Protein backbone atom coordinates (compact mmCIF):
# COMPACT_ATOMS: atom_id res chain seq x y z
CA MET A 1 7.73 -44.35 -27.77
CA PRO A 2 5.83 -40.55 -28.06
CA ARG A 3 2.22 -40.12 -28.01
CA GLU A 4 0.58 -39.62 -31.40
CA LYS A 5 -1.68 -36.23 -31.14
CA ASN A 6 -5.47 -37.02 -32.03
CA PRO A 7 -6.19 -34.28 -34.78
CA ASP A 8 -10.19 -34.94 -33.78
CA THR A 9 -9.94 -33.63 -30.44
CA GLU A 10 -9.19 -30.25 -29.32
CA LYS A 11 -8.23 -28.84 -26.03
CA LYS A 12 -10.49 -26.01 -24.49
CA ARG A 13 -8.15 -23.38 -23.29
CA ALA A 14 -9.40 -21.09 -20.31
CA PRO A 15 -9.59 -17.60 -21.41
CA ARG A 16 -6.66 -15.62 -20.39
CA ARG A 17 -6.47 -13.50 -17.68
CA ARG A 18 -5.58 -9.79 -17.90
CA ALA A 19 -3.33 -7.94 -16.08
CA ALA A 20 -4.68 -6.15 -13.13
CA ALA A 21 -4.71 -2.51 -13.54
CA PRO A 22 -2.15 0.10 -11.50
CA VAL A 23 -5.15 1.07 -9.55
CA ALA A 24 -3.83 0.31 -5.97
CA ALA A 25 -0.43 2.07 -6.80
CA ALA A 26 -1.84 5.18 -7.64
CA VAL A 27 -3.94 5.48 -4.88
CA ALA A 28 -1.06 4.56 -2.42
CA VAL A 29 1.27 7.46 -3.71
CA GLN A 30 -1.35 10.24 -3.84
CA PRO A 31 -2.99 11.00 0.27
CA PRO A 32 -6.68 10.66 0.62
CA ASN A 33 -8.46 13.90 -0.66
CA PHE A 34 -11.20 13.64 2.16
CA VAL A 35 -8.82 15.08 5.38
CA ASP A 36 -7.75 18.24 5.67
CA PRO A 37 -3.79 18.61 5.22
CA GLN A 38 -2.96 20.43 8.28
CA GLN A 39 -5.01 17.38 10.09
CA ARG A 40 -2.86 14.44 8.18
CA GLY A 41 0.01 16.67 8.96
CA ALA A 42 -0.47 16.32 12.62
CA LEU A 43 -1.53 12.70 12.60
CA ILE A 44 1.93 11.67 10.88
CA ALA A 45 4.10 14.39 13.26
CA ARG A 46 1.99 12.14 16.05
CA ALA A 47 2.62 9.03 14.70
CA ALA A 48 6.68 9.65 13.86
CA TYR A 49 7.29 10.93 17.47
CA PHE A 50 5.53 7.59 18.84
CA ARG A 51 7.84 5.63 16.51
CA ALA A 52 11.01 7.84 17.69
CA MET A 53 9.66 7.38 21.15
CA ASN A 54 9.73 3.46 20.83
CA ARG A 55 13.07 4.06 19.70
CA GLY A 56 14.65 5.89 22.53
CA PHE A 57 14.61 9.02 20.19
CA ALA A 58 18.20 7.93 18.93
CA PRO A 59 19.43 10.26 16.30
CA GLY A 60 19.71 9.40 12.35
CA TYR A 61 16.24 7.66 11.74
CA GLU A 62 13.98 10.99 11.30
CA LEU A 63 13.62 10.70 7.81
CA ALA A 64 12.77 7.01 8.34
CA ASP A 65 10.13 7.56 11.42
CA TRP A 66 8.35 10.37 9.26
CA LEU A 67 7.71 7.88 5.91
CA ALA A 68 6.91 5.25 7.77
CA ALA A 69 4.72 7.42 9.57
CA GLU A 70 3.29 8.65 6.63
CA ALA A 71 2.63 5.27 4.93
CA GLU A 72 0.59 4.04 8.21
CA VAL A 73 -1.62 7.16 8.57
CA ASP A 74 -2.33 7.14 5.31
CA ALA A 75 -3.01 3.36 5.10
CA GLU A 76 -5.39 4.25 8.28
CA LEU A 77 -7.14 6.88 6.29
CA LEU A 78 -8.05 4.85 3.21
CA ARG A 79 -9.52 2.16 5.89
CA GLY A 80 -11.20 4.82 7.74
CA THR A 81 -9.76 4.11 11.18
CA ALA A 82 -7.66 7.62 11.45
CA GLY A 83 -8.24 9.55 14.61
CA SER A 84 -10.49 6.89 16.15
């Protein structure tokens, strides 16, 4: 048998959470502005080289190495640990 609802008691609801603003996505898309573009490019090239070296310089992965190195360098620059 279903319970009857008591009209005298109201349940309090927690306030709704708002969706987080997509700030992190906007930051991740753009490279940090506080680094010289030539220096950033050199860091990416070096990281991509070491990725290729660890793979044995097998052909066909150049773009994947570059994009992964770019993401890695940008993440380090945002954390403030690149070039250390």
